[in-house]
């Protein structure tokens, strides 16, 4: 649509959204949430103040160019980009909106492929920005839910594997939420339950630690194993237990019972390790062991297999854990503690 380029010639657009840490992931994939519907499955995630920003501006005629942190720049004619390209999701969104003659610049405050939902966050920011421009051009205004669902739909279509919803929803809404997966409900596939107010969420920071383990993750591989094993009838009782753990964990966050939340999170991690030991490498296991030793809970972000590990607990043990983690992480190039807090703003767009 030439209207997008004309709009951007007059007014470049910027949008941003936060990444997340989580517990109960994979339950947001319909393959699991449909059969487990009777148990009311949910995922809890916390949006972090590590935001991914999108900047849109007018570019070369009949081309779409994408520059993104951690990737080589790419440029294609409309509808000619290979969607299996490392930036294929972005080009798929550009084609959905009919972009031509547009430059897309992506900057991320979180490490690339850190299991914090980065690619989904970038897509939500882009879809949100393009939806706002389309509305200015006379189109229908889209809600946060609609932006998140469109981004998820694009990602599921391009990925070619079962995809969940939690990354997109955390990016769109921000904050600390339990997402109830309703699967077959005509009112929508999810219900949002805010667990902490924005004011209380701001006080959660001292109870959290997040570390990047220095190696990228490959969530599709591990998620694929969980889904495959579930389909063949394996681990069903384990998933039933995970559903109950996440339910109790969400209640603990609301009550600010961080010590109890830590114990529950360690049990969830223990179950996941039993199913797929590769979710944590040797360094990750040492980091998790230190957390348990200090009375904190530790869990890999997303589907693990590299990326980030995060911890929760009372503030004093978490502070002690950060010191231990700092020493351990120094043993691997690129590994480091991340300076994080809770982001309650969600998707932001500047026109």
C-alpha atoms as a PDB file:
ATOM      1  CA  UNK A   1       0.000   0.000   0.000  1.00  0.00           C
ATOM      2  CA  UNK A   2       1.554   3.273  -1.111  1.00  0.00           C
ATOM      3  CA  UNK A   3      -0.509   5.013   1.602  1.00  0.00           C
ATOM      4  CA  UNK A   4       1.796   3.602   4.294  1.00  0.00           C
ATOM      5  CA  UNK A   5       4.887   5.004   2.611  1.00  0.00           C
ATOM      6  CA  UNK A   6       3.260   8.395   2.069  1.00  0.00           C
ATOM      7  CA  UNK A   7       2.256   8.501   5.735  1.00  0.00           C
ATOM      8  CA  UNK A   8       5.781   7.603   6.860  1.00  0.00           C
ATOM      9  CA  UNK A   9       7.318  10.274   4.615  1.00  0.00           C
ATOM     10  CA  UNK A  10       5.516  12.813   6.764  1.00  0.00           C
ATOM     11  CA  UNK A  11       5.761  11.087  10.115  1.00  0.00           C
ATOM     12  CA  UNK A  12       8.023   8.136  11.037  1.00  0.00           C
ATOM     13  CA  UNK A  13       6.476   5.784  13.590  1.00  0.00           C
ATOM     14  CA  UNK A  14       8.000   4.131  16.662  1.00  0.00           C
ATOM     15  CA  UNK A  15       6.536   1.349  18.792  1.00  0.00           C
ATOM     16  CA  UNK A  16       7.916  -0.831  21.574  1.00  0.00           C
ATOM     17  CA  UNK A  17       6.885  -3.761  23.757  1.00  0.00           C
ATOM     18  CA  UNK A  18       8.377  -5.745  26.670  1.00  0.00           C
ATOM     19  CA  UNK A  19       9.730  -9.289  26.799  1.00  0.00           C
ATOM     20  CA  UNK A  20       8.780 -11.744  29.572  1.00  0.00           C
ATOM     21  CA  UNK A  21       9.738 -14.469  32.025  1.00  0.00           C
ATOM     22  CA  UNK A  22       7.264 -17.260  32.654  1.00  0.00           C
ATOM     23  CA  UNK A  23       6.093 -20.439  34.304  1.00  0.00           C
ATOM     24  CA  UNK A  24       3.562 -22.827  32.792  1.00  0.00           C
ATOM     25  CA  UNK A  25       4.572 -22.234  29.198  1.00  0.00           C
ATOM     26  CA  UNK A  26       3.524 -24.846  26.582  1.00  0.00           C
ATOM     27  CA  UNK A  27       0.106 -24.959  28.262  1.00  0.00           C
ATOM     28  CA  UNK A  28      -0.749 -22.053  25.948  1.00  0.00           C
ATOM     29  CA  UNK A  29      -0.332 -24.338  22.928  1.00  0.00           C
ATOM     30  CA  UNK A  30      -3.767 -25.613  21.806  1.00  0.00           C
ATOM     31  CA  UNK A  31      -2.467 -29.167  21.509  1.00  0.00           C
ATOM     32  CA  UNK A  32      -2.301 -29.200  25.315  1.00  0.00           C
ATOM     33  CA  UNK A  33      -4.910 -26.626  26.307  1.00  0.00           C
ATOM     34  CA  UNK A  34      -7.781 -28.338  24.471  1.00  0.00           C
ATOM     35  CA  UNK A  35      -7.459 -31.776  26.114  1.00  0.00           C
ATOM     36  CA  UNK A  36      -6.616 -30.203  29.501  1.00  0.00           C
ATOM     37  CA  UNK A  37      -9.463 -27.670  29.341  1.00  0.00           C
ATOM     38  CA  UNK A  38     -11.347 -29.289  32.245  1.00  0.00           C
ATOM     39  CA  UNK A  39      -8.386 -28.501  34.531  1.00  0.00           C
ATOM     40  CA  UNK A  40      -8.382 -24.774  33.682  1.00  0.00           C
ATOM     41  CA  UNK A  41      -4.760 -24.555  32.460  1.00  0.00           C
ATOM     42  CA  UNK A  42      -2.975 -21.243  32.719  1.00  0.00           C
ATOM     43  CA  UNK A  43       0.419 -19.663  32.178  1.00  0.00           C
ATOM     44  CA  UNK A  44       1.897 -16.979  34.426  1.00  0.00           C
ATOM     45  CA  UNK A  45       4.279 -14.429  32.981  1.00  0.00           C
ATOM     46  CA  UNK A  46       5.986 -11.243  34.092  1.00  0.00           C
ATOM     47  CA  UNK A  47       6.735  -8.521  31.542  1.00  0.00           C
ATOM     48  CA  UNK A  48      10.265  -7.150  31.892  1.00  0.00           C
ATOM     49  CA  UNK A  49      11.540  -3.647  31.253  1.00  0.00           C
ATOM     50  CA  UNK A  50      13.772  -4.954  28.470  1.00  0.00           C
ATOM     51  CA  UNK A  51      11.868  -3.545  25.542  1.00  0.00           C
ATOM     52  CA  UNK A  52      12.121  -4.185  21.819  1.00  0.00           C
ATOM     53  CA  UNK A  53      11.489  -1.112  19.693  1.00  0.00           C
ATOM     54  CA  UNK A  54      10.398  -0.782  16.077  1.00  0.00           C
ATOM     55  CA  UNK A  55      11.078   2.300  13.972  1.00  0.00           C
ATOM     56  CA  UNK A  56       9.239   2.661  10.659  1.00  0.00           C
ATOM     57  CA  UNK A  57      10.264   5.155   8.003  1.00  0.00           C
ATOM     58  CA  UNK A  58       9.894   5.655   4.271  1.00  0.00           C
ATOM     59  CA  UNK A  59      12.480   3.718   2.283  1.00  0.00           C
ATOM     60  CA  UNK A  60      13.380   2.797  -1.259  1.00  0.00           C
ATOM     61  CA  UNK A  61      10.482   2.401  -3.670  1.00  0.00           C
ATOM     62  CA  UNK A  62       9.037  -1.113  -4.015  1.00  0.00           C
ATOM     63  CA  UNK A  63      11.372  -2.555  -1.360  1.00  0.00           C
ATOM     64  CA  UNK A  64      11.066  -3.514   2.294  1.00  0.00           C
ATOM     65  CA  UNK A  65      14.270  -3.323   4.314  1.00  0.00           C
ATOM     66  CA  UNK A  66      14.745  -4.712   7.824  1.00  0.00           C
ATOM     67  CA  UNK A  67      17.671  -3.881  10.112  1.00  0.00           C
ATOM     68  CA  UNK A  68      17.564  -5.777  13.397  1.00  0.00           C
ATOM     69  CA  UNK A  69      19.880  -6.135  16.388  1.00  0.00           C
ATOM     70  CA  UNK A  70      21.873  -9.354  16.066  1.00  0.00           C
ATOM     71  CA  UNK A  71      20.964 -10.078  12.427  1.00  0.00           C
ATOM     72  CA  UNK A  72      22.357  -9.115   9.046  1.00  0.00           C
ATOM     73  CA  UNK A  73      20.199  -6.476   7.279  1.00  0.00           C
ATOM     74  CA  UNK A  74      17.780  -7.871   4.731  1.00  0.00           C
ATOM     75  CA  UNK A  75      15.875  -6.298   1.841  1.00  0.00           C
ATOM     76  CA  UNK A  76      13.265  -7.793  -0.476  1.00  0.00           C
ATOM     77  CA  UNK A  77      10.590  -6.737  -2.897  1.00  0.00           C
ATOM     78  CA  UNK A  78       7.028  -7.050  -1.530  1.00  0.00           C
ATOM     79  CA  UNK A  79       5.829 -10.666  -1.250  1.00  0.00           C
ATOM     80  CA  UNK A  80       9.213 -12.032  -2.353  1.00  0.00           C
ATOM     81  CA  UNK A  81      10.878 -12.514   1.039  1.00  0.00           C
ATOM     82  CA  UNK A  82      11.445 -16.118   2.131  1.00  0.00           C
ATOM     83  CA  UNK A  83       9.525 -16.583   5.360  1.00  0.00           C
ATOM     84  CA  UNK A  84      12.052 -19.135   6.601  1.00  0.00           C
ATOM     85  CA  UNK A  85      14.612 -16.299   6.646  1.00  0.00           C
ATOM     86  CA  UNK A  86      15.844 -15.320  10.154  1.00  0.00           C
ATOM     87  CA  UNK A  87      13.712 -12.179   9.764  1.00  0.00           C
ATOM     88  CA  UNK A  88      10.901 -13.966   7.954  1.00  0.00           C
ATOM     89  CA  UNK A  89       8.298 -13.113  10.612  1.00  0.00           C
ATOM     90  CA  UNK A  90       8.868  -9.415  10.040  1.00  0.00           C
ATOM     91  CA  UNK A  91       8.538  -9.752   6.274  1.00  0.00           C
ATOM     92  CA  UNK A  92       5.380 -11.833   6.707  1.00  0.00           C
ATOM     93  CA  UNK A  93       3.830  -8.990   8.720  1.00  0.00           C
ATOM     94  CA  UNK A  94       4.966  -6.486   6.083  1.00  0.00           C
ATOM     95  CA  UNK A  95       3.254  -8.544   3.386  1.00  0.00           C
ATOM     96  CA  UNK A  96       0.100  -8.886   5.494  1.00  0.00           C
ATOM     97  CA  UNK A  97      -0.208  -5.097   5.596  1.00  0.00           C
ATOM     98  CA  UNK A  98       0.909  -4.715   1.968  1.00  0.00           C
ATOM     99  CA  UNK A  99       4.024  -2.676   2.721  1.00  0.00           C
ATOM    100  CA  UNK A 100       6.262  -1.329  -0.023  1.00  0.00           C
ATOM    101  CA  UNK A 101       8.957   1.309   0.190  1.00  0.00           C
ATOM    102  CA  UNK A 102       9.342   1.004   3.969  1.00  0.00           C
ATOM    103  CA  UNK A 103      12.391   0.659   6.210  1.00  0.00           C
ATOM    104  CA  UNK A 104      11.950  -1.272   9.469  1.00  0.00           C
ATOM    105  CA  UNK A 105      14.566  -0.900  12.195  1.00  0.00           C
ATOM    106  CA  UNK A 106      14.446  -3.187  15.239  1.00  0.00           C
ATOM    107  CA  UNK A 107      16.404  -2.626  18.446  1.00  0.00           C
ATOM    108  CA  UNK A 108      16.219  -5.020  21.363  1.00  0.00           C
ATOM    109  CA  UNK A 109      17.349  -4.464  24.950  1.00  0.00           C
ATOM    110  CA  UNK A 110      17.312  -8.222  25.597  1.00  0.00           C
ATOM    111  CA  UNK A 111      19.925 -10.647  24.221  1.00  0.00           C
ATOM    112  CA  UNK A 112      19.124 -12.231  20.880  1.00  0.00           C
ATOM    113  CA  UNK A 113      17.482 -15.679  21.180  1.00  0.00           C
ATOM    114  CA  UNK A 114      17.449 -15.407  24.957  1.00  0.00           C
ATOM    115  CA  UNK A 115      14.145 -17.329  25.445  1.00  0.00           C
ATOM    116  CA  UNK A 116      12.444 -14.140  26.625  1.00  0.00           C
ATOM    117  CA  UNK A 117      10.059 -14.093  23.654  1.00  0.00           C
ATOM    118  CA  UNK A 118      12.073 -11.566  21.641  1.00  0.00           C
ATOM    119  CA  UNK A 119      10.907 -12.421  18.129  1.00  0.00           C
ATOM    120  CA  UNK A 120       7.269 -12.408  19.234  1.00  0.00           C
ATOM    121  CA  UNK A 121       7.799  -9.085  21.008  1.00  0.00           C
ATOM    122  CA  UNK A 122       9.237  -7.511  17.867  1.00  0.00           C
ATOM    123  CA  UNK A 123       6.285  -8.809  15.870  1.00  0.00           C
ATOM    124  CA  UNK A 124       3.757  -7.393  18.362  1.00  0.00           C
ATOM    125  CA  UNK A 125       5.476  -4.010  18.251  1.00  0.00           C
ATOM    126  CA  UNK A 126       5.466  -4.052  14.448  1.00  0.00           C
ATOM    127  CA  UNK A 127       1.837  -5.200  14.135  1.00  0.00           C
ATOM    128  CA  UNK A 128       0.822  -2.618  16.732  1.00  0.00           C
ATOM    129  CA  UNK A 129       2.572   0.173  14.845  1.00  0.00           C
ATOM    130  CA  UNK A 130       1.161  -0.852  11.465  1.00  0.00           C
ATOM    131  CA  UNK A 131      -2.327  -1.246  12.922  1.00  0.00           C
ATOM    132  CA  UNK A 132      -2.163   2.299  14.309  1.00  0.00           C
ATOM    133  CA  UNK A 133      -1.067   3.673  10.936  1.00  0.00           C
ATOM    134  CA  UNK A 134      -3.812   1.723   9.180  1.00  0.00           C
ATOM    135  CA  UNK A 135      -6.337   3.213  11.601  1.00  0.00           C
ATOM    136  CA  UNK A 136      -5.056   6.702  10.827  1.00  0.00           C
ATOM    137  CA  UNK A 137      -5.540   5.909   7.169  1.00  0.00           C
ATOM    138  CA  UNK A 138      -9.187   5.075   7.730  1.00  0.00           C
ATOM    139  CA  UNK A 139      -9.067   1.451   8.797  1.00  0.00           C
ATOM    140  CA  UNK A 140     -10.599  -0.194  11.841  1.00  0.00           C
ATOM    141  CA  UNK A 141      -9.015   0.399  15.236  1.00  0.00           C
ATOM    142  CA  UNK A 142      -7.561  -2.788  16.717  1.00  0.00           C
ATOM    143  CA  UNK A 143      -7.553  -3.609  20.430  1.00  0.00           C
ATOM    144  CA  UNK A 144      -4.501  -4.935  22.273  1.00  0.00           C
ATOM    145  CA  UNK A 145      -6.039  -8.393  22.155  1.00  0.00           C
ATOM    146  CA  UNK A 146      -6.518  -8.157  18.398  1.00  0.00           C
ATOM    147  CA  UNK A 147      -2.921  -7.003  17.884  1.00  0.00           C
ATOM    148  CA  UNK A 148      -1.624  -9.913  19.981  1.00  0.00           C
ATOM    149  CA  UNK A 149      -3.815 -12.453  18.207  1.00  0.00           C
ATOM    150  CA  UNK A 150      -2.829 -11.215  14.757  1.00  0.00           C
ATOM    151  CA  UNK A 151       0.845 -11.426  15.700  1.00  0.00           C
ATOM    152  CA  UNK A 152       0.340 -14.950  17.060  1.00  0.00           C
ATOM    153  CA  UNK A 153      -1.537 -15.991  13.939  1.00  0.00           C
ATOM    154  CA  UNK A 154       1.250 -14.753  11.699  1.00  0.00           C
ATOM    155  CA  UNK A 155       3.882 -16.506  13.799  1.00  0.00           C
ATOM    156  CA  UNK A 156       1.977 -19.799  13.848  1.00  0.00           C
ATOM    157  CA  UNK A 157       1.494 -19.648  10.078  1.00  0.00           C
ATOM    158  CA  UNK A 158       5.153 -18.969   9.366  1.00  0.00           C
ATOM    159  CA  UNK A 159       6.640 -21.309  11.983  1.00  0.00           C
ATOM    160  CA  UNK A 160       4.753 -24.331  10.695  1.00  0.00           C
ATOM    161  CA  UNK A 161       4.660 -25.832  14.215  1.00  0.00           C
ATOM    162  CA  UNK A 162       2.202 -25.427  17.124  1.00  0.00           C
ATOM    163  CA  UNK A 163       2.629 -22.000  18.698  1.00  0.00           C
ATOM    164  CA  UNK A 164       1.347 -20.565  21.951  1.00  0.00           C
ATOM    165  CA  UNK A 165      -0.001 -17.147  22.840  1.00  0.00           C
ATOM    166  CA  UNK A 166       1.786 -16.052  25.990  1.00  0.00           C
ATOM    167  CA  UNK A 167       4.675 -14.142  24.407  1.00  0.00           C
ATOM    168  CA  UNK A 168       2.394 -11.954  22.326  1.00  0.00           C
ATOM    169  CA  UNK A 169      -0.007 -11.286  25.197  1.00  0.00           C
ATOM    170  CA  UNK A 170       2.751 -10.319  27.634  1.00  0.00           C
ATOM    171  CA  UNK A 171       4.170  -7.945  25.017  1.00  0.00           C
ATOM    172  CA  UNK A 172       0.787  -6.349  24.328  1.00  0.00           C
ATOM    173  CA  UNK A 173      -0.462  -5.972  27.909  1.00  0.00           C
ATOM    174  CA  UNK A 174       2.653  -5.861  30.096  1.00  0.00           C
ATOM    175  CA  UNK A 175       2.463  -6.409  33.845  1.00  0.00           C
ATOM    176  CA  UNK A 176       2.150  -9.589  35.885  1.00  0.00           C
ATOM    177  CA  UNK A 177      -0.646 -11.845  34.638  1.00  0.00           C
ATOM    178  CA  UNK A 178      -2.106 -15.301  34.674  1.00  0.00           C
ATOM    179  CA  UNK A 179      -3.437 -16.229  31.248  1.00  0.00           C
ATOM    180  CA  UNK A 180      -6.260 -18.755  31.426  1.00  0.00           C
ATOM    181  CA  UNK A 181      -6.424 -20.895  28.266  1.00  0.00           C
ATOM    182  CA  UNK A 182     -10.065 -21.446  27.408  1.00  0.00           C
ATOM    183  CA  UNK A 183      -9.469 -23.143  24.034  1.00  0.00           C
ATOM    184  CA  UNK A 184     -13.053 -23.800  22.966  1.00  0.00           C
ATOM    185  CA  UNK A 185     -14.681 -20.739  24.537  1.00  0.00           C
ATOM    186  CA  UNK A 186     -16.595 -18.542  22.096  1.00  0.00           C
ATOM    187  CA  UNK A 187     -15.533 -15.489  24.113  1.00  0.00           C
ATOM    188  CA  UNK A 188     -11.896 -16.038  23.124  1.00  0.00           C
ATOM    189  CA  UNK A 189      -9.004 -18.426  23.640  1.00  0.00           C
ATOM    190  CA  UNK A 190      -7.759 -16.691  26.785  1.00  0.00           C
ATOM    191  CA  UNK A 191      -8.818 -14.790  29.870  1.00  0.00           C
ATOM    192  CA  UNK A 192      -6.422 -12.332  31.451  1.00  0.00           C
ATOM    193  CA  UNK A 193      -6.105 -12.278  35.237  1.00  0.00           C
ATOM    194  CA  UNK A 194      -3.829  -9.468  36.490  1.00  0.00           C
ATOM    195  CA  UNK A 195      -2.035 -10.814  39.559  1.00  0.00           C
ATOM    196  CA  UNK A 196      -0.474  -7.573  40.781  1.00  0.00           C
ATOM    197  CA  UNK A 197      -1.401  -3.935  40.352  1.00  0.00           C
ATOM    198  CA  UNK A 198       1.121  -1.718  38.584  1.00  0.00           C
ATOM    199  CA  UNK A 199       2.196  -0.348  41.965  1.00  0.00           C
ATOM    200  CA  UNK A 200       2.679  -3.820  43.479  1.00  0.00           C
ATOM    201  CA  UNK A 201       4.376  -5.069  40.314  1.00  0.00           C
ATOM    202  CA  UNK A 202       6.954  -2.295  40.656  1.00  0.00           C
ATOM    203  CA  UNK A 203       7.878  -3.799  44.033  1.00  0.00           C
ATOM    204  CA  UNK A 204       8.459  -7.253  42.562  1.00  0.00           C
ATOM    205  CA  UNK A 205      11.921  -6.370  41.210  1.00  0.00           C
ATOM    206  CA  UNK A 206      13.890  -7.163  44.412  1.00  0.00           C
ATOM    207  CA  UNK A 207      12.314 -10.627  44.414  1.00  0.00           C
ATOM    208  CA  UNK A 208      13.555 -11.479  40.900  1.00  0.00           C
ATOM    209  CA  UNK A 209      16.874 -12.362  39.312  1.00  0.00           C
ATOM    210  CA  UNK A 210      17.351 -12.972  35.597  1.00  0.00           C
ATOM    211  CA  UNK A 211      20.535 -14.228  33.959  1.00  0.00           C
ATOM    212  CA  UNK A 212      21.502 -14.803  30.345  1.00  0.00           C
ATOM    213  CA  UNK A 213      23.503 -18.042  30.159  1.00  0.00           C
ATOM    214  CA  UNK A 214      25.554 -16.979  27.155  1.00  0.00           C
ATOM    215  CA  UNK A 215      24.171 -19.469  24.639  1.00  0.00           C
ATOM    216  CA  UNK A 216      21.099 -19.036  22.403  1.00  0.00           C
ATOM    217  CA  UNK A 217      18.054 -21.198  22.852  1.00  0.00           C
ATOM    218  CA  UNK A 218      16.075 -23.298  20.373  1.00  0.00           C
ATOM    219  CA  UNK A 219      12.582 -23.419  21.865  1.00  0.00           C
ATOM    220  CA  UNK A 220      11.058 -25.160  18.830  1.00  0.00           C
ATOM    221  CA  UNK A 221      13.167 -28.262  19.467  1.00  0.00           C
ATOM    222  CA  UNK A 222      12.187 -28.698  23.128  1.00  0.00           C
ATOM    223  CA  UNK A 223       8.600 -27.527  22.753  1.00  0.00           C
ATOM    224  CA  UNK A 224       8.307 -29.974  19.885  1.00  0.00           C
ATOM    225  CA  UNK A 225       9.397 -32.803  22.162  1.00  0.00           C
ATOM    226  CA  UNK A 226       6.868 -31.859  24.840  1.00  0.00           C
ATOM    227  CA  UNK A 227       4.066 -31.664  22.296  1.00  0.00           C
ATOM    228  CA  UNK A 228       5.075 -34.917  20.619  1.00  0.00           C
ATOM    229  CA  UNK A 229       5.287 -36.787  23.917  1.00  0.00           C
ATOM    230  CA  UNK A 230       1.912 -35.402  24.972  1.00  0.00           C
ATOM    231  CA  UNK A 231       0.331 -36.544  21.720  1.00  0.00           C
ATOM    232  CA  UNK A 232       1.634 -40.082  22.187  1.00  0.00           C
ATOM    233  CA  UNK A 233       0.197 -40.242  25.712  1.00  0.00           C
ATOM    234  CA  UNK A 234       3.449 -39.815  27.604  1.00  0.00           C
ATOM    235  CA  UNK A 235       3.826 -37.431  30.568  1.00  0.00           C
ATOM    236  CA  UNK A 236       0.089 -36.755  30.882  1.00  0.00           C
ATOM    237  CA  UNK A 237       0.184 -37.023  34.688  1.00  0.00           C
ATOM    238  CA  UNK A 238       3.146 -34.660  34.761  1.00  0.00           C
ATOM    239  CA  UNK A 239       1.235 -32.038  32.802  1.00  0.00           C
ATOM    240  CA  UNK A 240      -1.719 -32.393  35.166  1.00  0.00           C
ATOM    241  CA  UNK A 241       0.656 -31.665  38.050  1.00  0.00           C
ATOM    242  CA  UNK A 242       2.130 -28.675  36.213  1.00  0.00           C
ATOM    243  CA  UNK A 243      -1.362 -27.230  35.764  1.00  0.00           C
ATOM    244  CA  UNK A 244      -1.923 -27.429  39.527  1.00  0.00           C
ATOM    245  CA  UNK A 245       1.526 -25.989  40.298  1.00  0.00           C
ATOM    246  CA  UNK A 246       0.923 -22.957  38.101  1.00  0.00           C
ATOM    247  CA  UNK A 247      -2.498 -22.399  39.656  1.00  0.00           C
ATOM    248  CA  UNK A 248      -0.950 -22.343  43.141  1.00  0.00           C
ATOM    249  CA  UNK A 249       1.981 -20.236  41.930  1.00  0.00           C
ATOM    250  CA  UNK A 250      -0.369 -17.548  40.630  1.00  0.00           C
ATOM    251  CA  UNK A 251      -2.092 -17.421  44.022  1.00  0.00           C
ATOM    252  CA  UNK A 252       1.303 -17.050  45.718  1.00  0.00           C
ATOM    253  CA  UNK A 253       2.161 -14.041  43.575  1.00  0.00           C
ATOM    254  CA  UNK A 254      -1.130 -12.373  44.463  1.00  0.00           C
ATOM    255  CA  UNK A 255      -0.429 -12.999  48.171  1.00  0.00           C
ATOM    256  CA  UNK A 256       3.248 -12.008  47.746  1.00  0.00           C
ATOM    257  CA  UNK A 257       4.198 -15.368  49.250  1.00  0.00           C
ATOM    258  CA  UNK A 258       7.505 -15.522  47.394  1.00  0.00           C
ATOM    259  CA  UNK A 259       9.064 -18.321  49.438  1.00  0.00           C
ATOM    260  CA  UNK A 260       6.176 -20.642  48.659  1.00  0.00           C
ATOM    261  CA  UNK A 261       6.222 -19.525  45.027  1.00  0.00           C
ATOM    262  CA  UNK A 262       9.907 -20.506  44.921  1.00  0.00           C
ATOM    263  CA  UNK A 263       9.178 -24.052  46.114  1.00  0.00           C
ATOM    264  CA  UNK A 264       6.460 -24.481  43.530  1.00  0.00           C
ATOM    265  CA  UNK A 265       8.670 -23.182  40.740  1.00  0.00           C
ATOM    266  CA  UNK A 266      11.433 -25.609  41.666  1.00  0.00           C
ATOM    267  CA  UNK A 267       8.977 -28.482  41.421  1.00  0.00           C
ATOM    268  CA  UNK A 268       7.852 -27.343  37.963  1.00  0.00           C
ATOM    269  CA  UNK A 269      11.486 -27.159  36.845  1.00  0.00           C
ATOM    270  CA  UNK A 270      12.118 -30.630  38.294  1.00  0.00           C
ATOM    271  CA  UNK A 271       9.241 -32.062  36.254  1.00  0.00           C
ATOM    272  CA  UNK A 272      10.422 -30.401  33.051  1.00  0.00           C
ATOM    273  CA  UNK A 273      13.958 -31.693  33.597  1.00  0.00           C
ATOM    274  CA  UNK A 274      12.590 -35.210  34.001  1.00  0.00           C
ATOM    275  CA  UNK A 275      10.839 -34.920  30.642  1.00  0.00           C
ATOM    276  CA  UNK A 276      13.642 -33.152  28.764  1.00  0.00           C
ATOM    277  CA  UNK A 277      16.995 -32.960  30.603  1.00  0.00           C
ATOM    278  CA  UNK A 278      18.421 -30.629  27.930  1.00  0.00           C
ATOM    279  CA  UNK A 279      16.300 -27.685  29.105  1.00  0.00           C
ATOM    280  CA  UNK A 280      19.277 -26.779  31.328  1.00  0.00           C
ATOM    281  CA  UNK A 281      22.943 -27.273  30.450  1.00  0.00           C
ATOM    282  CA  UNK A 282      25.693 -27.764  33.032  1.00  0.00           C
ATOM    283  CA  UNK A 283      25.894 -24.071  33.877  1.00  0.00           C
ATOM    284  CA  UNK A 284      22.122 -23.790  34.086  1.00  0.00           C
ATOM    285  CA  UNK A 285      21.978 -26.711  36.509  1.00  0.00           C
ATOM    286  CA  UNK A 286      24.592 -25.080  38.731  1.00  0.00           C
ATOM    287  CA  UNK A 287      22.672 -21.801  38.693  1.00  0.00           C
ATOM    288  CA  UNK A 288      19.458 -23.628  39.583  1.00  0.00           C
ATOM    289  CA  UNK A 289      21.198 -25.574  42.364  1.00  0.00           C
ATOM    290  CA  UNK A 290      22.439 -22.326  43.925  1.00  0.00           C
ATOM    291  CA  UNK A 291      18.894 -20.970  43.865  1.00  0.00           C
ATOM    292  CA  UNK A 292      17.526 -24.035  45.633  1.00  0.00           C
ATOM    293  CA  UNK A 293      20.367 -23.894  48.169  1.00  0.00           C
ATOM    294  CA  UNK A 294      19.413 -20.322  49.108  1.00  0.00           C
ATOM    295  CA  UNK A 295      15.682 -20.984  49.271  1.00  0.00           C
ATOM    296  CA  UNK A 296      14.868 -19.377  45.915  1.00  0.00           C
ATOM    297  CA  UNK A 297      13.064 -20.854  42.941  1.00  0.00           C
ATOM    298  CA  UNK A 298      14.761 -21.135  39.552  1.00  0.00           C
ATOM    299  CA  UNK A 299      13.374 -21.836  36.112  1.00  0.00           C
ATOM    300  CA  UNK A 300      14.594 -21.544  32.534  1.00  0.00           C
ATOM    301  CA  UNK A 301      12.757 -18.907  30.502  1.00  0.00           C
ATOM    302  CA  UNK A 302      10.434 -20.102  27.749  1.00  0.00           C
ATOM    303  CA  UNK A 303      11.276 -23.601  26.613  1.00  0.00           C
ATOM    304  CA  UNK A 304      14.875 -23.444  27.785  1.00  0.00           C
ATOM    305  CA  UNK A 305      17.708 -25.148  25.977  1.00  0.00           C
ATOM    306  CA  UNK A 306      19.836 -22.028  26.442  1.00  0.00           C
ATOM    307  CA  UNK A 307      18.886 -18.398  26.760  1.00  0.00           C
ATOM    308  CA  UNK A 308      17.884 -17.161  30.208  1.00  0.00           C
ATOM    309  CA  UNK A 309      17.225 -18.554  33.648  1.00  0.00           C
ATOM    310  CA  UNK A 310      15.242 -16.642  36.241  1.00  0.00           C
ATOM    311  CA  UNK A 311      14.699 -16.865  39.970  1.00  0.00           C
ATOM    312  CA  UNK A 312      12.125 -15.761  42.518  1.00  0.00           C
ATOM    313  CA  UNK A 313      12.185 -15.604  46.303  1.00  0.00           C
ATOM    314  CA  UNK A 314      12.268 -13.346  49.295  1.00  0.00           C
ATOM    315  CA  UNK A 315      14.400 -10.264  48.689  1.00  0.00           C
ATOM    316  CA  UNK A 316      17.389 -11.143  50.921  1.00  0.00           C
ATOM    317  CA  UNK A 317      17.927 -14.637  49.482  1.00  0.00           C
ATOM    318  CA  UNK A 318      17.515 -13.274  45.951  1.00  0.00           C
ATOM    319  CA  UNK A 319      20.167 -10.629  46.600  1.00  0.00           C
ATOM    320  CA  UNK A 320      22.522 -13.341  47.874  1.00  0.00           C
ATOM    321  CA  UNK A 321      21.700 -15.413  44.808  1.00  0.00           C
ATOM    322  CA  UNK A 322      22.578 -12.573  42.487  1.00  0.00           C
ATOM    323  CA  UNK A 323      26.061 -12.472  44.018  1.00  0.00           C
ATOM    324  CA  UNK A 324      26.522 -16.208  43.536  1.00  0.00           C
ATOM    325  CA  UNK A 325      25.178 -16.094  40.002  1.00  0.00           C
ATOM    326  CA  UNK A 326      27.499 -13.222  39.131  1.00  0.00           C
ATOM    327  CA  UNK A 327      30.519 -15.400  39.997  1.00  0.00           C
ATOM    328  CA  UNK A 328      29.232 -18.441  38.126  1.00  0.00           C
ATOM    329  CA  UNK A 329      28.283 -16.491  35.023  1.00  0.00           C
ATOM    330  CA  UNK A 330      31.793 -15.029  34.812  1.00  0.00           C
ATOM    331  CA  UNK A 331      32.980 -18.507  33.827  1.00  0.00           C
ATOM    332  CA  UNK A 332      31.294 -18.307  30.402  1.00  0.00           C
ATOM    333  CA  UNK A 333      31.841 -15.667  27.714  1.00  0.00           C
ATOM    334  CA  UNK A 334      28.704 -13.658  27.082  1.00  0.00           C
ATOM    335  CA  UNK A 335      26.865 -14.891  30.178  1.00  0.00           C
ATOM    336  CA  UNK A 336      25.697 -12.180  32.554  1.00  0.00           C
ATOM    337  CA  UNK A 337      23.074 -10.990  34.991  1.00  0.00           C
ATOM    338  CA  UNK A 338      20.411  -8.791  33.437  1.00  0.00           C
ATOM    339  CA  UNK A 339      19.257  -5.597  35.130  1.00  0.00           C
ATOM    340  CA  UNK A 340      15.493  -6.044  35.132  1.00  0.00           C
ATOM    341  CA  UNK A 341      12.275  -4.787  36.630  1.00  0.00           C
ATOM    342  CA  UNK A 342       8.617  -5.272  35.834  1.00  0.00           C
ATOM    343  CA  UNK A 343       7.145  -3.380  32.866  1.00  0.00           C
ATOM    344  CA  UNK A 344       3.442  -2.647  33.310  1.00  0.00           C
ATOM    345  CA  UNK A 345       3.044  -0.520  30.172  1.00  0.00           C
ATOM    346  CA  UNK A 346       2.840  -3.177  27.471  1.00  0.00           C
ATOM    347  CA  UNK A 347       2.670  -2.056  23.844  1.00  0.00           C
ATOM    348  CA  UNK A 348       3.461   1.622  23.291  1.00  0.00           C
ATOM    349  CA  UNK A 349       3.187   3.415  19.974  1.00  0.00           C
ATOM    350  CA  UNK A 350       4.252   6.934  19.030  1.00  0.00           C
ATOM    351  CA  UNK A 351       2.710   8.542  15.956  1.00  0.00           C
END
